[in-house]
Amino acid sequence: MIFKVYYQENRFEVPVRENTKSLYVEASTEREVRHHLKDRNFNIELVQLLEGQHLEYEQASQDYKVESIDA
């Protein structure tokens, strides 16, 4: 499954919508995604499962690059 993660680069700053970044992670569960990212200094706002037309839309973006979690 592909998850889109919305985050701020510094977990100690107040979130500002204009500074929100996103990345895509391939994992089995949201919990795996959060565990994979726990060592980064991110303030994770949302982890969203992408499927169907929403996934197809995101895949068409030039910024679409998936991180894979190696089991």
N, C-alpha and C. Protein backbone atom coordinates (compact mmCIF):
# COMPACT_ATOMS: atom_id res chain seq x y z
N MET A 1 0.84 -1.17 0.00
CA MET A 1 0.00 0.00 0.00
C MET A 1 0.89 1.24 0.00
N ILE A 2 0.36 2.29 -0.60
CA ILE A 2 1.09 3.55 -0.65
C ILE A 2 0.42 4.55 0.29
N PHE A 3 1.23 5.19 1.12
CA PHE A 3 0.75 6.20 2.04
C PHE A 3 1.39 7.54 1.70
N LYS A 4 0.61 8.60 1.82
CA LYS A 4 1.12 9.95 1.65
C LYS A 4 1.24 10.55 3.04
N VAL A 5 2.43 11.05 3.35
CA VAL A 5 2.70 11.61 4.67
C VAL A 5 2.84 13.12 4.54
N TYR A 6 2.03 13.85 5.28
CA TYR A 6 2.12 15.31 5.35
C TYR A 6 2.89 15.64 6.62
N TYR A 7 3.91 16.48 6.49
CA TYR A 7 4.75 16.75 7.65
C TYR A 7 5.37 18.14 7.60
N GLN A 8 5.84 18.58 8.76
CA GLN A 8 6.66 19.78 8.90
C GLN A 8 8.08 19.28 9.14
N GLU A 9 9.06 20.00 8.63
CA GLU A 9 10.44 19.52 8.73
C GLU A 9 11.02 19.57 10.14
N ASN A 10 10.48 20.40 11.02
CA ASN A 10 11.00 20.49 12.37
C ASN A 10 9.87 20.27 13.37
N ARG A 11 9.97 19.25 14.17
CA ARG A 11 8.88 18.91 15.08
C ARG A 11 8.72 19.91 16.22
N PHE A 12 9.70 20.79 16.42
CA PHE A 12 9.64 21.73 17.53
C PHE A 12 9.09 23.10 17.14
N GLU A 13 8.78 23.29 15.86
CA GLU A 13 8.20 24.55 15.42
C GLU A 13 6.69 24.40 15.28
N VAL A 14 6.01 25.52 15.41
CA VAL A 14 4.56 25.52 15.23
C VAL A 14 4.24 25.22 13.76
N PRO A 15 3.34 24.28 13.49
CA PRO A 15 2.99 23.95 12.10
C PRO A 15 2.38 25.14 11.36
N VAL A 16 2.86 25.37 10.17
CA VAL A 16 2.33 26.40 9.29
C VAL A 16 1.97 25.72 7.97
N ARG A 17 0.73 25.84 7.57
CA ARG A 17 0.23 25.11 6.40
C ARG A 17 1.11 25.32 5.17
N GLU A 18 1.60 26.54 4.97
CA GLU A 18 2.43 26.83 3.80
C GLU A 18 3.77 26.10 3.82
N ASN A 19 4.19 25.63 4.97
CA ASN A 19 5.47 24.91 5.10
C ASN A 19 5.29 23.40 5.11
N THR A 20 4.07 22.93 4.95
CA THR A 20 3.81 21.49 4.96
C THR A 20 4.40 20.84 3.71
N LYS A 21 5.12 19.77 3.92
CA LYS A 21 5.71 19.00 2.83
C LYS A 21 5.05 17.63 2.82
N SER A 22 5.31 16.85 1.79
CA SER A 22 4.74 15.51 1.73
C SER A 22 5.74 14.55 1.11
N LEU A 23 5.57 13.29 1.46
CA LEU A 23 6.35 12.22 0.86
C LEU A 23 5.48 10.99 0.80
N TYR A 24 5.89 10.06 -0.04
CA TYR A 24 5.13 8.83 -0.26
C TYR A 24 5.94 7.65 0.26
N VAL A 25 5.26 6.77 0.97
CA VAL A 25 5.93 5.60 1.55
C VAL A 25 5.11 4.35 1.23
N GLU A 26 5.82 3.31 0.78
CA GLU A 26 5.17 2.02 0.56
C GLU A 26 5.35 1.17 1.80
N ALA A 27 4.23 0.76 2.39
CA ALA A 27 4.27 -0.03 3.62
C ALA A 27 2.96 -0.81 3.75
N SER A 28 2.92 -1.71 4.71
CA SER A 28 1.71 -2.51 4.93
C SER A 28 0.68 -1.77 5.79
N THR A 29 1.18 -0.98 6.74
CA THR A 29 0.29 -0.29 7.67
C THR A 29 0.79 1.12 7.97
N GLU A 30 -0.10 1.95 8.49
CA GLU A 30 0.27 3.30 8.92
C GLU A 30 1.31 3.21 10.04
N ARG A 31 1.17 2.24 10.89
CA ARG A 31 2.11 2.06 12.00
C ARG A 31 3.54 1.84 11.48
N GLU A 32 3.70 1.04 10.42
CA GLU A 32 5.01 0.83 9.81
C GLU A 32 5.58 2.14 9.28
N VAL A 33 4.73 2.96 8.67
CA VAL A 33 5.18 4.24 8.14
C VAL A 33 5.70 5.11 9.26
N ARG A 34 4.93 5.25 10.33
CA ARG A 34 5.35 6.08 11.47
C ARG A 34 6.63 5.54 12.10
N HIS A 35 6.76 4.24 12.20
CA HIS A 35 7.97 3.64 12.76
C HIS A 35 9.17 3.93 11.85
N HIS A 36 8.98 3.86 10.55
CA HIS A 36 10.04 4.12 9.57
C HIS A 36 10.54 5.57 9.67
N LEU A 37 9.64 6.49 9.99
CA LEU A 37 9.99 7.91 10.01
C LEU A 37 10.34 8.44 11.40
N LYS A 38 10.30 7.61 12.42
CA LYS A 38 10.45 8.10 13.79
C LYS A 38 11.81 8.75 14.07
N ASP A 39 12.87 8.35 13.36
CA ASP A 39 14.19 8.92 13.61
C ASP A 39 14.42 10.25 12.89
N ARG A 40 13.51 10.63 12.04
CA ARG A 40 13.63 11.91 11.35
C ARG A 40 13.01 12.99 12.25
N ASN A 41 13.47 14.19 12.08
CA ASN A 41 12.99 15.29 12.93
C ASN A 41 11.71 15.90 12.35
N PHE A 42 10.72 15.04 12.03
CA PHE A 42 9.50 15.49 11.39
C PHE A 42 8.37 15.64 12.41
N ASN A 43 7.52 16.62 12.17
CA ASN A 43 6.25 16.74 12.87
C ASN A 43 5.20 16.22 11.89
N ILE A 44 4.80 14.98 12.04
CA ILE A 44 3.87 14.35 11.11
C ILE A 44 2.46 14.85 11.41
N GLU A 45 1.83 15.43 10.40
CA GLU A 45 0.47 15.94 10.54
C GLU A 45 -0.55 14.87 10.20
N LEU A 46 -0.29 14.11 9.12
CA LEU A 46 -1.27 13.15 8.65
C LEU A 46 -0.58 12.06 7.83
N VAL A 47 -1.01 10.83 8.02
CA VAL A 47 -0.59 9.72 7.17
C VAL A 47 -1.86 9.22 6.50
N GLN A 48 -1.90 9.34 5.17
CA GLN A 48 -3.11 9.05 4.41
C GLN A 48 -2.86 7.90 3.43
N LEU A 49 -3.73 6.90 3.49
CA LEU A 49 -3.67 5.78 2.54
C LEU A 49 -4.16 6.27 1.19
N LEU A 50 -3.38 5.98 0.14
CA LEU A 50 -3.79 6.34 -1.21
C LEU A 50 -4.23 5.09 -1.95
N GLU A 51 -5.39 5.17 -2.58
CA GLU A 51 -5.87 4.05 -3.38
C GLU A 51 -6.81 4.55 -4.45
N GLY A 52 -7.02 3.74 -5.46
CA GLY A 52 -7.95 4.07 -6.53
C GLY A 52 -7.53 5.30 -7.32
N GLN A 53 -8.50 6.15 -7.63
CA GLN A 53 -8.25 7.33 -8.45
C GLN A 53 -7.35 8.34 -7.74
N HIS A 54 -7.43 8.40 -6.43
CA HIS A 54 -6.56 9.32 -5.69
C HIS A 54 -5.09 8.92 -5.89
N LEU A 55 -4.80 7.63 -5.83
CA LEU A 55 -3.44 7.14 -6.06
C LEU A 55 -3.01 7.44 -7.50
N GLU A 56 -3.87 7.19 -8.46
CA GLU A 56 -3.55 7.46 -9.86
C GLU A 56 -3.23 8.94 -10.07
N TYR A 57 -4.00 9.81 -9.43
CA TYR A 57 -3.76 11.25 -9.53
C TYR A 57 -2.38 11.61 -8.98
N GLU A 58 -2.04 11.09 -7.83
CA GLU A 58 -0.75 11.37 -7.21
C GLU A 58 0.40 10.82 -8.05
N GLN A 59 0.22 9.65 -8.64
CA GLN A 59 1.26 9.05 -9.47
C GLN A 59 1.55 9.88 -10.72
N ALA A 60 0.59 10.66 -11.17
CA ALA A 60 0.78 11.51 -12.35
C ALA A 60 1.61 12.75 -12.04
N SER A 61 1.82 13.04 -10.77
CA SER A 61 2.59 14.23 -10.37
C SER A 61 4.07 14.01 -10.63
N GLN A 62 4.76 15.07 -11.01
CA GLN A 62 6.20 14.98 -11.24
C GLN A 62 6.97 14.80 -9.93
N ASP A 63 6.34 15.10 -8.80
CA ASP A 63 6.98 14.97 -7.49
C ASP A 63 6.78 13.59 -6.87
N TYR A 64 6.11 12.69 -7.58
CA TYR A 64 5.79 11.38 -7.03
C TYR A 64 7.04 10.50 -7.02
N LYS A 65 7.51 10.19 -5.82
CA LYS A 65 8.64 9.29 -5.61
C LYS A 65 8.37 8.52 -4.33
N VAL A 66 8.40 7.22 -4.40
CA VAL A 66 8.00 6.38 -3.27
C VAL A 66 9.23 5.85 -2.53
N GLU A 67 9.19 5.99 -1.20
CA GLU A 67 10.19 5.34 -0.34
C GLU A 67 9.61 3.98 0.01
N SER A 68 10.45 2.98 -0.03
CA SER A 68 10.01 1.63 0.28
C SER A 68 10.58 1.21 1.63
N ILE A 69 9.77 0.57 2.44
CA ILE A 69 10.24 0.05 3.72
C ILE A 69 10.68 -1.39 3.48
N ASP A 70 11.95 -1.64 3.70
CA ASP A 70 12.47 -3.00 3.52
C ASP A 70 12.17 -3.82 4.76
N ALA A 71 11.52 -4.93 4.56
CA ALA A 71 11.15 -5.79 5.69
C ALA A 71 12.31 -6.60 6.18
